[in-house]
All heavy atoms as atom14 arrays in JSON, in Angstrom:
{
  "sequence": "IGTIAAHTALAYGCTAVTEASLGEPVLDNDPALTEAVWA",
  "atom14_mask": [
    [1, 1, 1, 1, 1, 1, 1, 1, 0, 0, 0, 0, 0, 0],
    [1, 1, 1, 1, 0, 0, 0, 0, 0, 0, 0, 0, 0, 0],
    [1, 1, 1, 1, 1, 1, 1, 0, 0, 0, 0, 0, 0, 0],
    [1, 1, 1, 1, 1, 1, 1, 1, 0, 0, 0, 0, 0, 0],
    [1, 1, 1, 1, 1, 0, 0, 0, 0, 0, 0, 0, 0, 0],
    [1, 1, 1, 1, 1, 0, 0, 0, 0, 0, 0, 0, 0, 0],
    [1, 1, 1, 1, 1, 1, 1, 1, 1, 1, 0, 0, 0, 0],
    [1, 1, 1, 1, 1, 1, 1, 0, 0, 0, 0, 0, 0, 0],
    [1, 1, 1, 1, 1, 0, 0, 0, 0, 0, 0, 0, 0, 0],
    [1, 1, 1, 1, 1, 1, 1, 1, 0, 0, 0, 0, 0, 0],
    [1, 1, 1, 1, 1, 0, 0, 0, 0, 0, 0, 0, 0, 0],
    [1, 1, 1, 1, 1, 1, 1, 1, 1, 1, 1, 1, 0, 0],
    [1, 1, 1, 1, 0, 0, 0, 0, 0, 0, 0, 0, 0, 0],
    [1, 1, 1, 1, 1, 1, 0, 0, 0, 0, 0, 0, 0, 0],
    [1, 1, 1, 1, 1, 1, 1, 0, 0, 0, 0, 0, 0, 0],
    [1, 1, 1, 1, 1, 0, 0, 0, 0, 0, 0, 0, 0, 0],
    [1, 1, 1, 1, 1, 1, 1, 0, 0, 0, 0, 0, 0, 0],
    [1, 1, 1, 1, 1, 1, 1, 0, 0, 0, 0, 0, 0, 0],
    [1, 1, 1, 1, 1, 1, 1, 1, 1, 0, 0, 0, 0, 0],
    [1, 1, 1, 1, 1, 0, 0, 0, 0, 0, 0, 0, 0, 0],
    [1, 1, 1, 1, 1, 1, 0, 0, 0, 0, 0, 0, 0, 0],
    [1, 1, 1, 1, 1, 1, 1, 1, 0, 0, 0, 0, 0, 0],
    [1, 1, 1, 1, 0, 0, 0, 0, 0, 0, 0, 0, 0, 0],
    [1, 1, 1, 1, 1, 1, 1, 1, 1, 0, 0, 0, 0, 0],
    [1, 1, 1, 1, 1, 1, 1, 0, 0, 0, 0, 0, 0, 0],
    [1, 1, 1, 1, 1, 1, 1, 0, 0, 0, 0, 0, 0, 0],
    [1, 1, 1, 1, 1, 1, 1, 1, 0, 0, 0, 0, 0, 0],
    [1, 1, 1, 1, 1, 1, 1, 1, 0, 0, 0, 0, 0, 0],
    [1, 1, 1, 1, 1, 1, 1, 1, 0, 0, 0, 0, 0, 0],
    [1, 1, 1, 1, 1, 1, 1, 1, 0, 0, 0, 0, 0, 0],
    [1, 1, 1, 1, 1, 1, 1, 0, 0, 0, 0, 0, 0, 0],
    [1, 1, 1, 1, 1, 0, 0, 0, 0, 0, 0, 0, 0, 0],
    [1, 1, 1, 1, 1, 1, 1, 1, 0, 0, 0, 0, 0, 0],
    [1, 1, 1, 1, 1, 1, 1, 0, 0, 0, 0, 0, 0, 0],
    [1, 1, 1, 1, 1, 1, 1, 1, 1, 0, 0, 0, 0, 0],
    [1, 1, 1, 1, 1, 0, 0, 0, 0, 0, 0, 0, 0, 0],
    [1, 1, 1, 1, 1, 1, 1, 0, 0, 0, 0, 0, 0, 0],
    [1, 1, 1, 1, 1, 1, 1, 1, 1, 1, 1, 1, 1, 1],
    [1, 1, 1, 1, 1, 0, 0, 0, 0, 0, 0, 0, 0, 0]
  ],
  "atom14_positions": [
    [[32.86, -7.8, 6.64], [33.52, -7.82, 5.29], [32.71, -8.56, 4.25], [32.54, -8.08, 3.12], [34.99, -8.41, 5.41], [35.87, -7.48, 6.2], [35.53, -8.76, 4.04], [37.17, -8.12, 6.64], [0.0, 0.0, 0.0], [0.0, 0.0, 0.0], [0.0, 0.0, 0.0], [0.0, 0.0, 0.0], [0.0, 0.0, 0.0], [0.0, 0.0, 0.0]],
    [[32.13, -9.73, 4.63], [31.29, -10.47, 3.75], [30.06, -9.65, 3.29], [29.67, -9.65, 2.18], [0.0, 0.0, 0.0], [0.0, 0.0, 0.0], [0.0, 0.0, 0.0], [0.0, 0.0, 0.0], [0.0, 0.0, 0.0], [0.0, 0.0, 0.0], [0.0, 0.0, 0.0], [0.0, 0.0, 0.0], [0.0, 0.0, 0.0], [0.0, 0.0, 0.0]],
    [[29.45, -8.98, 4.28], [28.28, -8.18, 4.03], [28.57, -7.0, 3.1], [27.84, -6.68, 2.14], [27.68, -7.63, 5.33], [27.32, -8.79, 6.16], [26.47, -6.82, 5.11], [0.0, 0.0, 0.0], [0.0, 0.0, 0.0], [0.0, 0.0, 0.0], [0.0, 0.0, 0.0], [0.0, 0.0, 0.0], [0.0, 0.0, 0.0], [0.0, 0.0, 0.0]],
    [[29.71, -6.31, 3.36], [30.08, -5.18, 2.55], [30.41, -5.63, 1.13], [29.98, -4.99, 0.12], [31.29, -4.42, 3.19], [30.86, -3.68, 4.44], [31.89, -3.48, 2.16], [31.96, -3.16, 5.25], [0.0, 0.0, 0.0], [0.0, 0.0, 0.0], [0.0, 0.0, 0.0], [0.0, 0.0, 0.0], [0.0, 0.0, 0.0], [0.0, 0.0, 0.0]],
    [[31.15, -6.73, 0.98], [31.51, -7.25, -0.34], [30.22, -7.61, -1.07], [30.1, -7.31, -2.31], [32.44, -8.42, -0.24], [0.0, 0.0, 0.0], [0.0, 0.0, 0.0], [0.0, 0.0, 0.0], [0.0, 0.0, 0.0], [0.0, 0.0, 0.0], [0.0, 0.0, 0.0], [0.0, 0.0, 0.0], [0.0, 0.0, 0.0], [0.0, 0.0, 0.0]],
    [[29.32, -8.31, -0.48], [28.04, -8.72, -1.14], [27.24, -7.55, -1.59], [26.74, -7.52, -2.68], [27.25, -9.59, -0.22], [0.0, 0.0, 0.0], [0.0, 0.0, 0.0], [0.0, 0.0, 0.0], [0.0, 0.0, 0.0], [0.0, 0.0, 0.0], [0.0, 0.0, 0.0], [0.0, 0.0, 0.0], [0.0, 0.0, 0.0], [0.0, 0.0, 0.0]],
    [[27.08, -6.53, -0.73], [26.26, -5.37, -1.05], [26.92, -4.48, -2.12], [26.24, -3.9, -2.97], [25.96, -4.58, 0.22], [24.94, -5.25, 1.1], [24.78, -4.94, 2.4], [24.04, -6.24, 0.86], [23.87, -5.69, 2.93], [23.41, -6.51, 2.05], [0.0, 0.0, 0.0], [0.0, 0.0, 0.0], [0.0, 0.0, 0.0], [0.0, 0.0, 0.0]],
    [[28.26, -4.37, -2.05], [28.95, -3.57, -3.07], [28.83, -4.23, -4.41], [28.55, -3.6, -5.42], [30.44, -3.4, -2.65], [30.5, -2.76, -1.36], [31.17, -2.58, -3.71], [0.0, 0.0, 0.0], [0.0, 0.0, 0.0], [0.0, 0.0, 0.0], [0.0, 0.0, 0.0], [0.0, 0.0, 0.0], [0.0, 0.0, 0.0], [0.0, 0.0, 0.0]],
    [[29.02, -5.55, -4.51], [28.88, -6.27, -5.74], [27.43, -6.17, -6.26], [27.24, -5.94, -7.44], [29.26, -7.73, -5.49], [0.0, 0.0, 0.0], [0.0, 0.0, 0.0], [0.0, 0.0, 0.0], [0.0, 0.0, 0.0], [0.0, 0.0, 0.0], [0.0, 0.0, 0.0], [0.0, 0.0, 0.0], [0.0, 0.0, 0.0], [0.0, 0.0, 0.0]],
    [[26.48, -6.27, -5.38], [25.07, -6.2, -5.78], [24.75, -4.84, -6.4], [23.99, -4.72, -7.38], [24.13, -6.46, -4.57], [22.68, -6.53, -4.82], [22.34, -7.69, -5.79], [21.9, -6.72, -3.52], [0.0, 0.0, 0.0], [0.0, 0.0, 0.0], [0.0, 0.0, 0.0], [0.0, 0.0, 0.0], [0.0, 0.0, 0.0], [0.0, 0.0, 0.0]],
    [[25.34, -3.77, -5.82], [25.13, -2.45, -6.37], [25.6, -2.3, -7.8], [25.15, -1.45, -8.53], [25.85, -1.41, -5.47], [0.0, 0.0, 0.0], [0.0, 0.0, 0.0], [0.0, 0.0, 0.0], [0.0, 0.0, 0.0], [0.0, 0.0, 0.0], [0.0, 0.0, 0.0], [0.0, 0.0, 0.0], [0.0, 0.0, 0.0], [0.0, 0.0, 0.0]],
    [[26.53, -3.11, -8.19], [27.07, -3.1, -9.54], [26.58, -4.27, -10.43], [27.07, -4.52, -11.52], [28.61, -3.15, -9.55], [29.18, -1.83, -9.04], [29.51, -1.63, -7.68], [29.33, -0.72, -9.91], [30.02, -0.48, -7.22], [29.85, 0.46, -9.46], [30.17, 0.65, -8.1], [30.66, 1.82, -7.65], [0.0, 0.0, 0.0], [0.0, 0.0, 0.0]],
    [[25.57, -5.0, -9.93], [25.02, -6.1, -10.69], [25.94, -7.34, -10.72], [25.84, -8.12, -11.65], [0.0, 0.0, 0.0], [0.0, 0.0, 0.0], [0.0, 0.0, 0.0], [0.0, 0.0, 0.0], [0.0, 0.0, 0.0], [0.0, 0.0, 0.0], [0.0, 0.0, 0.0], [0.0, 0.0, 0.0], [0.0, 0.0, 0.0], [0.0, 0.0, 0.0]],
    [[26.69, -7.48, -9.71], [27.67, -8.61, -9.64], [27.36, -9.44, -8.41], [26.49, -9.11, -7.6], [29.07, -8.1, -9.56], [29.54, -7.01, -10.95], [0.0, 0.0, 0.0], [0.0, 0.0, 0.0], [0.0, 0.0, 0.0], [0.0, 0.0, 0.0], [0.0, 0.0, 0.0], [0.0, 0.0, 0.0], [0.0, 0.0, 0.0], [0.0, 0.0, 0.0]],
    [[28.17, -10.43, -8.23], [28.11, -11.26, -6.92], [29.53, -11.25, -6.38], [30.48, -11.06, -7.08], [27.64, -12.69, -7.22], [28.53, -13.32, -8.14], [26.21, -12.71, -7.77], [0.0, 0.0, 0.0], [0.0, 0.0, 0.0], [0.0, 0.0, 0.0], [0.0, 0.0, 0.0], [0.0, 0.0, 0.0], [0.0, 0.0, 0.0], [0.0, 0.0, 0.0]],
    [[29.52, -11.47, -5.06], [30.81, -11.58, -4.38], [30.8, -12.76, -3.43], [29.79, -13.06, -2.87], [31.08, -10.33, -3.55], [0.0, 0.0, 0.0], [0.0, 0.0, 0.0], [0.0, 0.0, 0.0], [0.0, 0.0, 0.0], [0.0, 0.0, 0.0], [0.0, 0.0, 0.0], [0.0, 0.0, 0.0], [0.0, 0.0, 0.0], [0.0, 0.0, 0.0]],
    [[31.92, -13.42, -3.39], [32.12, -14.53, -2.47], [33.31, -14.22, -1.6], [34.34, -13.84, -2.12], [32.41, -15.9, -3.26], [32.67, -17.0, -2.35], [31.18, -16.15, -4.16], [0.0, 0.0, 0.0], [0.0, 0.0, 0.0], [0.0, 0.0, 0.0], [0.0, 0.0, 0.0], [0.0, 0.0, 0.0], [0.0, 0.0, 0.0], [0.0, 0.0, 0.0]],
    [[33.12, -14.4, -0.27], [34.3, -14.2, 0.61], [34.65, -15.49, 1.24], [33.76, -16.29, 1.61], [34.01, -13.13, 1.73], [32.84, -13.54, 2.44], [33.78, -11.77, 1.06], [0.0, 0.0, 0.0], [0.0, 0.0, 0.0], [0.0, 0.0, 0.0], [0.0, 0.0, 0.0], [0.0, 0.0, 0.0], [0.0, 0.0, 0.0], [0.0, 0.0, 0.0]],
    [[35.94, -15.78, 1.31], [36.43, -16.96, 2.02], [37.44, -16.51, 3.03], [38.29, -15.66, 2.74], [37.06, -17.89, 0.98], [36.15, -18.44, -0.05], [36.85, -19.28, -1.1], [38.05, -19.58, -0.93], [36.24, -19.67, -2.11], [0.0, 0.0, 0.0], [0.0, 0.0, 0.0], [0.0, 0.0, 0.0], [0.0, 0.0, 0.0], [0.0, 0.0, 0.0]],
    [[37.42, -17.12, 4.2], [38.42, -16.77, 5.22], [39.15, -18.04, 5.68], [38.53, -19.07, 5.96], [37.72, -16.16, 6.4], [0.0, 0.0, 0.0], [0.0, 0.0, 0.0], [0.0, 0.0, 0.0], [0.0, 0.0, 0.0], [0.0, 0.0, 0.0], [0.0, 0.0, 0.0], [0.0, 0.0, 0.0], [0.0, 0.0, 0.0], [0.0, 0.0, 0.0]],
    [[40.43, -17.88, 5.74], [41.3, -18.96, 6.32], [41.81, -18.37, 7.6], [42.59, -17.4, 7.55], [42.42, -19.32, 5.42], [41.92, -19.88, 4.21], [0.0, 0.0, 0.0], [0.0, 0.0, 0.0], [0.0, 0.0, 0.0], [0.0, 0.0, 0.0], [0.0, 0.0, 0.0], [0.0, 0.0, 0.0], [0.0, 0.0, 0.0], [0.0, 0.0, 0.0]],
    [[41.38, -18.87, 8.72], [41.8, -18.29, 9.99], [43.25, -18.62, 10.26], [43.65, -19.8, 10.18], [40.96, -18.78, 11.15], [39.45, -18.41, 11.05], [38.7, -18.91, 12.27], [39.31, -16.9, 10.88], [0.0, 0.0, 0.0], [0.0, 0.0, 0.0], [0.0, 0.0, 0.0], [0.0, 0.0, 0.0], [0.0, 0.0, 0.0], [0.0, 0.0, 0.0]],
    [[44.06, -17.6, 10.49], [45.49, -17.81, 10.76], [45.7, -17.94, 12.27], [44.93, -18.61, 12.98], [0.0, 0.0, 0.0], [0.0, 0.0, 0.0], [0.0, 0.0, 0.0], [0.0, 0.0, 0.0], [0.0, 0.0, 0.0], [0.0, 0.0, 0.0], [0.0, 0.0, 0.0], [0.0, 0.0, 0.0], [0.0, 0.0, 0.0], [0.0, 0.0, 0.0]],
    [[46.68, -17.27, 12.75], [47.07, -17.34, 14.18], [45.97, -16.72, 15.05], [45.37, -15.74, 14.67], [48.34, -16.61, 14.42], [49.61, -17.22, 13.72], [49.73, -16.82, 12.27], [48.89, -16.04, 11.74], [50.65, -17.28, 11.63], [0.0, 0.0, 0.0], [0.0, 0.0, 0.0], [0.0, 0.0, 0.0], [0.0, 0.0, 0.0], [0.0, 0.0, 0.0]],
    [[45.71, -17.34, 16.22], [44.73, -16.75, 17.09], [45.31, -15.46, 17.74], [46.52, -15.2, 17.63], [44.56, -17.82, 18.22], [45.74, -18.72, 18.13], [46.26, -18.62, 16.73], [0.0, 0.0, 0.0], [0.0, 0.0, 0.0], [0.0, 0.0, 0.0], [0.0, 0.0, 0.0], [0.0, 0.0, 0.0], [0.0, 0.0, 0.0], [0.0, 0.0, 0.0]],
    [[44.45, -14.7, 18.39], [44.84, -13.52, 19.1], [45.79, -13.9, 20.24], [45.54, -14.9, 20.95], [43.66, -12.76, 19.67], [44.04, -11.59, 20.54], [42.81, -12.3, 18.49], [0.0, 0.0, 0.0], [0.0, 0.0, 0.0], [0.0, 0.0, 0.0], [0.0, 0.0, 0.0], [0.0, 0.0, 0.0], [0.0, 0.0, 0.0], [0.0, 0.0, 0.0]],
    [[46.89, -13.18, 20.38], [47.83, -13.51, 21.44], [47.57, -12.63, 22.69], [47.54, -11.43, 22.61], [49.26, -13.26, 20.96], [50.38, -13.75, 21.88], [51.64, -14.06, 21.07], [50.72, -12.81, 22.99], [0.0, 0.0, 0.0], [0.0, 0.0, 0.0], [0.0, 0.0, 0.0], [0.0, 0.0, 0.0], [0.0, 0.0, 0.0], [0.0, 0.0, 0.0]],
    [[47.23, -13.29, 23.81], [47.06, -12.55, 25.04], [48.02, -12.99, 26.06], [48.2, -14.24, 26.32], [45.62, -12.82, 25.61], [44.6, -12.0, 24.83], [44.83, -10.79, 24.61], [43.56, -12.53, 24.49], [0.0, 0.0, 0.0], [0.0, 0.0, 0.0], [0.0, 0.0, 0.0], [0.0, 0.0, 0.0], [0.0, 0.0, 0.0], [0.0, 0.0, 0.0]],
    [[48.74, -12.1, 26.68], [49.71, -12.41, 27.79], [48.93, -12.83, 29.01], [47.92, -12.18, 29.36], [50.63, -11.27, 28.09], [51.66, -11.04, 27.0], [52.0, -11.95, 26.3], [52.18, -9.85, 26.96], [0.0, 0.0, 0.0], [0.0, 0.0, 0.0], [0.0, 0.0, 0.0], [0.0, 0.0, 0.0], [0.0, 0.0, 0.0], [0.0, 0.0, 0.0]],
    [[49.36, -13.86, 29.72], [48.79, -14.35, 30.96], [49.11, -13.31, 32.06], [50.28, -13.06, 32.34], [49.29, -15.68, 31.27], [48.67, -16.24, 32.57], [47.51, -16.69, 32.52], [49.36, -16.18, 33.62], [0.0, 0.0, 0.0], [0.0, 0.0, 0.0], [0.0, 0.0, 0.0], [0.0, 0.0, 0.0], [0.0, 0.0, 0.0], [0.0, 0.0, 0.0]],
    [[48.06, -12.76, 32.74], [48.36, -11.74, 33.77], [49.2, -12.24, 34.94], [50.13, -11.53, 35.37], [46.94, -11.38, 34.26], [46.03, -11.77, 33.16], [46.68, -12.95, 32.5], [0.0, 0.0, 0.0], [0.0, 0.0, 0.0], [0.0, 0.0, 0.0], [0.0, 0.0, 0.0], [0.0, 0.0, 0.0], [0.0, 0.0, 0.0], [0.0, 0.0, 0.0]],
    [[48.97, -13.43, 35.43], [49.78, -13.96, 36.54], [51.25, -14.18, 36.11], [52.16, -13.83, 36.89], [49.21, -15.28, 37.07], [0.0, 0.0, 0.0], [0.0, 0.0, 0.0], [0.0, 0.0, 0.0], [0.0, 0.0, 0.0], [0.0, 0.0, 0.0], [0.0, 0.0, 0.0], [0.0, 0.0, 0.0], [0.0, 0.0, 0.0], [0.0, 0.0, 0.0]],
    [[51.44, -14.68, 34.94], [52.81, -14.86, 34.5], [53.48, -13.53, 34.2], [54.69, -13.33, 34.5], [52.79, -15.68, 33.12], [54.16, -16.05, 32.54], [55.05, -16.75, 33.55], [53.94, -16.88, 31.28], [0.0, 0.0, 0.0], [0.0, 0.0, 0.0], [0.0, 0.0, 0.0], [0.0, 0.0, 0.0], [0.0, 0.0, 0.0], [0.0, 0.0, 0.0]],
    [[52.71, -12.57, 33.7], [53.29, -11.18, 33.47], [53.81, -10.63, 34.82], [54.91, -10.11, 34.89], [52.23, -10.3, 32.89], [51.78, -10.82, 31.63], [52.79, -8.9, 32.68], [0.0, 0.0, 0.0], [0.0, 0.0, 0.0], [0.0, 0.0, 0.0], [0.0, 0.0, 0.0], [0.0, 0.0, 0.0], [0.0, 0.0, 0.0], [0.0, 0.0, 0.0]],
    [[53.02, -10.74, 35.88], [53.41, -10.26, 37.18], [54.68, -10.97, 37.74], [55.57, -10.42, 38.29], [52.27, -10.31, 38.22], [51.15, -9.37, 37.94], [51.64, -7.89, 38.04], [52.42, -7.58, 38.92], [51.16, -7.1, 37.23], [0.0, 0.0, 0.0], [0.0, 0.0, 0.0], [0.0, 0.0, 0.0], [0.0, 0.0, 0.0], [0.0, 0.0, 0.0]],
    [[54.64, -12.32, 37.54], [55.76, -13.13, 38.04], [57.08, -12.76, 37.33], [58.16, -12.74, 37.93], [55.43, -14.6, 37.91], [0.0, 0.0, 0.0], [0.0, 0.0, 0.0], [0.0, 0.0, 0.0], [0.0, 0.0, 0.0], [0.0, 0.0, 0.0], [0.0, 0.0, 0.0], [0.0, 0.0, 0.0], [0.0, 0.0, 0.0], [0.0, 0.0, 0.0]],
    [[57.02, -12.56, 36.0], [58.2, -12.2, 35.27], [58.62, -10.78, 35.62], [59.79, -10.52, 35.71], [57.91, -12.37, 33.75], [59.07, -11.84, 32.9], [57.65, -13.88, 33.39], [0.0, 0.0, 0.0], [0.0, 0.0, 0.0], [0.0, 0.0, 0.0], [0.0, 0.0, 0.0], [0.0, 0.0, 0.0], [0.0, 0.0, 0.0], [0.0, 0.0, 0.0]],
    [[57.7, -9.89, 35.8], [58.09, -8.53, 36.13], [58.78, -8.51, 37.48], [59.77, -7.72, 37.69], [56.87, -7.56, 36.18], [57.19, -6.2, 36.62], [56.65, -5.54, 37.68], [58.16, -5.33, 36.07], [57.27, -4.29, 37.85], [58.22, -4.13, 36.86], [59.06, -5.44, 35.0], [59.03, -3.06, 36.58], [59.9, -4.38, 34.73], [59.9, -3.22, 35.51]],
    [[58.41, -9.37, 38.41], [59.1, -9.45, 39.72], [60.5, -9.9, 39.52], [61.42, -9.55, 40.3], [58.35, -10.46, 40.6], [0.0, 0.0, 0.0], [0.0, 0.0, 0.0], [0.0, 0.0, 0.0], [0.0, 0.0, 0.0], [0.0, 0.0, 0.0], [0.0, 0.0, 0.0], [0.0, 0.0, 0.0], [0.0, 0.0, 0.0], [0.0, 0.0, 0.0]]
  ]
}
């Protein structure tokens, strides 16, 4: 996203700044707990 923003802005004679605030992490279910709950 940062690369695309920078190159798109450059193509129009502008500059781009991207900032990211990381939110929630990716949620992955635990496989062992999944099996135990399914039982």
